[in-house]
């Protein structure tokens, strides 16, 4: 089982696309929970979380979202990201047998990350990131140490395509 963590903002359309894609993962028992977190409180995000069964962590940090996750594996996605093809089957097999972090193959990555202040390797987060919670939990209470821990990961690339929307100007 995987806990999905999404840094959310009030741009609901991209978030809705990602949440809709995750439904099948939940139905098949791969996605155990979806955590939406943001630095501020948003009534819009609270409503989305309530309506979709997500947990909303307002006024929180990435570290707090990591600590709140219930699953052994964490899947970080950006709003608007959609996993394509046979993502459920491939990811399910991967988390059953492996321990290394992983990411996905981008099919239309052409914007800057929504999380640049958290990660130097913006491309890593835009391509999704799957990592064991135990690899990050020790640094979750220190943003600088957490950034270093994430940036030191060397994820394998899974044969799953991820589509990330282009940034609107």
Protein backbone atom coordinates (compact mmCIF):
# COMPACT_ATOMS: atom_id res chain seq x y z
CA UNK A 1 0.00 0.00 0.00
CA UNK A 2 1.09 3.52 -0.81
CA UNK A 3 0.34 6.89 0.79
CA UNK A 4 0.10 9.60 -1.86
CA UNK A 5 1.32 13.05 -0.80
CA UNK A 6 0.37 16.10 -2.88
CA UNK A 7 1.44 19.69 -2.23
CA UNK A 8 -1.87 21.34 -3.08
CA UNK A 9 -2.93 24.87 -3.90
CA UNK A 10 -6.30 26.35 -4.79
CA UNK A 11 -5.98 25.51 -8.50
CA UNK A 12 -8.53 22.71 -8.30
CA UNK A 13 -8.69 21.55 -11.94
CA UNK A 14 -5.19 20.00 -12.06
CA UNK A 15 -5.68 18.53 -8.59
CA UNK A 16 -8.99 16.98 -9.69
CA UNK A 17 -7.23 15.30 -12.65
CA UNK A 18 -4.67 13.72 -10.33
CA UNK A 19 -7.25 12.63 -7.76
CA UNK A 20 -9.43 11.07 -10.47
CA UNK A 21 -6.47 9.06 -11.74
CA UNK A 22 -5.76 7.78 -8.22
CA UNK A 23 -9.27 6.34 -7.76
CA UNK A 24 -8.42 3.16 -9.65
CA UNK A 25 -5.32 2.70 -7.49
CA UNK A 26 -7.51 2.93 -4.41
CA UNK A 27 -10.09 0.50 -5.81
CA UNK A 28 -7.36 -2.05 -6.54
CA UNK A 29 -5.87 -1.69 -3.05
CA UNK A 30 -2.64 0.05 -4.01
CA UNK A 31 -3.41 3.58 -2.75
CA UNK A 32 -4.28 3.51 0.94
CA UNK A 33 -4.65 7.27 1.42
CA UNK A 34 -4.13 10.62 -0.24
CA UNK A 35 -2.73 13.48 1.81
CA UNK A 36 -3.13 17.05 0.57
CA UNK A 37 -0.90 19.53 2.38
CA UNK A 38 -0.37 23.25 2.11
CA UNK A 39 1.35 26.01 4.03
CA UNK A 40 -1.92 27.92 4.41
CA UNK A 41 -5.49 27.04 5.26
CA UNK A 42 -7.86 26.88 2.32
CA UNK A 43 -11.60 26.32 2.58
CA UNK A 44 -11.54 25.18 -1.05
CA UNK A 45 -8.96 22.47 -0.32
CA UNK A 46 -10.82 21.47 2.84
CA UNK A 47 -13.97 20.97 0.75
CA UNK A 48 -12.10 18.98 -1.91
CA UNK A 49 -10.55 16.77 0.77
CA UNK A 50 -13.90 16.19 2.47
CA UNK A 51 -15.61 15.42 -0.84
CA UNK A 52 -12.92 13.02 -2.06
CA UNK A 53 -11.91 11.22 1.13
CA UNK A 54 -8.45 12.78 1.24
CA UNK A 55 -6.75 13.99 4.39
CA UNK A 56 -6.03 17.70 4.36
CA UNK A 57 -3.13 19.08 6.37
CA UNK A 58 -3.43 22.88 6.35
CA UNK A 59 -0.68 25.10 7.70
CA UNK A 60 1.75 22.20 7.50
CA UNK A 61 5.12 21.25 6.10
CA UNK A 62 6.25 18.43 3.89
CA UNK A 63 7.82 16.82 6.95
CA UNK A 64 4.49 16.85 8.77
CA UNK A 65 2.82 15.24 5.75
CA UNK A 66 5.48 12.52 5.72
CA UNK A 67 5.04 11.86 9.43
CA UNK A 68 1.25 11.71 9.03
CA UNK A 69 1.40 9.08 6.28
CA UNK A 70 0.25 5.63 7.33
CA UNK A 71 1.83 3.50 4.61
CA UNK A 72 5.32 2.11 4.34
CA UNK A 73 5.69 3.61 0.84
CA UNK A 74 5.18 7.27 -0.08
CA UNK A 75 4.25 8.51 -3.55
CA UNK A 76 4.82 12.23 -4.14
CA UNK A 77 2.86 13.79 -7.00
CA UNK A 78 2.21 17.32 -8.16
CA UNK A 79 -1.33 18.52 -8.94
CA UNK A 80 -2.16 17.70 -12.53
CA UNK A 81 0.19 14.72 -12.75
CA UNK A 82 -1.35 11.60 -14.25
CA UNK A 83 0.22 8.16 -14.33
CA UNK A 84 -0.42 6.35 -17.60
CA UNK A 85 -0.60 2.81 -18.95
CA UNK A 86 -0.41 -0.03 -16.45
CA UNK A 87 0.78 2.06 -13.53
CA UNK A 88 -1.15 0.17 -10.87
CA UNK A 89 0.22 -3.24 -11.81
CA UNK A 90 3.82 -2.10 -12.25
CA UNK A 91 3.90 0.01 -9.09
CA UNK A 92 2.20 -2.71 -7.07
CA UNK A 93 4.83 -5.28 -8.09
CA UNK A 94 7.61 -2.79 -7.41
CA UNK A 95 6.59 -1.90 -3.84
CA UNK A 96 6.06 -5.58 -3.00
CA UNK A 97 9.62 -6.58 -3.88
CA UNK A 98 11.94 -3.56 -3.90
CA UNK A 99 13.35 -1.07 -1.40
CA UNK A 100 14.99 1.51 -3.69
CA UNK A 101 13.30 4.83 -4.47
CA UNK A 102 11.78 5.12 -7.92
CA UNK A 103 10.36 7.69 -10.30
CA UNK A 104 8.43 7.61 -13.57
CA UNK A 105 9.13 8.49 -17.21
CA UNK A 106 7.85 11.94 -18.14
CA UNK A 107 5.98 12.32 -21.40
CA UNK A 108 5.44 16.10 -21.42
CA UNK A 109 7.58 17.72 -18.78
CA UNK A 110 7.98 21.34 -19.85
CA UNK A 111 7.45 23.50 -16.80
CA UNK A 112 9.21 24.29 -13.60
CA UNK A 113 8.24 22.36 -10.51
CA UNK A 114 5.49 23.41 -8.16
CA UNK A 115 7.85 22.54 -5.32
CA UNK A 116 11.08 24.38 -6.15
CA UNK A 117 11.59 25.69 -2.66
CA UNK A 118 11.62 22.15 -1.29
CA UNK A 119 13.78 20.37 -3.83
CA UNK A 120 16.82 21.21 -5.89
CA UNK A 121 16.03 18.38 -8.26
CA UNK A 122 12.73 19.77 -9.47
CA UNK A 123 12.59 17.23 -12.26
CA UNK A 124 12.66 14.42 -9.70
CA UNK A 125 9.44 15.61 -8.06
CA UNK A 126 7.70 16.38 -11.33
CA UNK A 127 8.37 12.84 -12.45
CA UNK A 128 6.78 11.54 -9.27
CA UNK A 129 8.77 9.95 -6.51
CA UNK A 130 8.15 6.66 -4.74
CA UNK A 131 10.21 6.15 -1.60
CA UNK A 132 10.06 4.15 1.61
CA UNK A 133 8.89 6.33 4.48
CA UNK A 134 11.76 5.06 6.64
CA UNK A 135 14.28 6.73 4.29
CA UNK A 136 12.84 10.18 5.08
CA UNK A 137 11.20 9.99 8.51
CA UNK A 138 14.39 10.66 10.51
CA UNK A 139 14.75 14.05 8.79
CA UNK A 140 11.06 14.98 8.61
CA UNK A 141 11.26 17.48 11.47
CA UNK A 142 14.14 19.44 9.90
CA UNK A 143 13.41 21.02 6.50
CA UNK A 144 17.08 21.42 5.59
CA UNK A 145 17.92 17.82 6.46
CA UNK A 146 14.79 16.62 4.64
CA UNK A 147 15.82 18.49 1.48
CA UNK A 148 19.28 16.91 1.68
CA UNK A 149 17.82 13.44 2.21
CA UNK A 150 15.49 13.77 -0.78
CA UNK A 151 18.16 15.29 -3.02
CA UNK A 152 20.53 12.44 -2.17
CA UNK A 153 18.08 9.79 -3.39
CA UNK A 154 19.03 7.96 -6.56
CA UNK A 155 15.71 6.64 -7.84
CA UNK A 156 15.41 4.01 -10.51
CA UNK A 157 13.14 4.87 -13.44
CA UNK A 158 10.08 2.65 -13.66
CA UNK A 159 8.45 1.82 -17.01
CA UNK A 160 5.45 3.96 -16.10
CA UNK A 161 4.77 7.17 -17.97
CA UNK A 162 3.69 10.29 -16.12
CA UNK A 163 1.99 13.20 -17.80
CA UNK A 164 2.52 16.60 -16.20
CA UNK A 165 0.57 19.61 -17.48
CA UNK A 166 2.39 22.56 -18.94
CA UNK A 167 2.48 25.73 -16.88
CA UNK A 168 0.00 28.39 -17.93
CA UNK A 169 1.47 31.86 -18.38
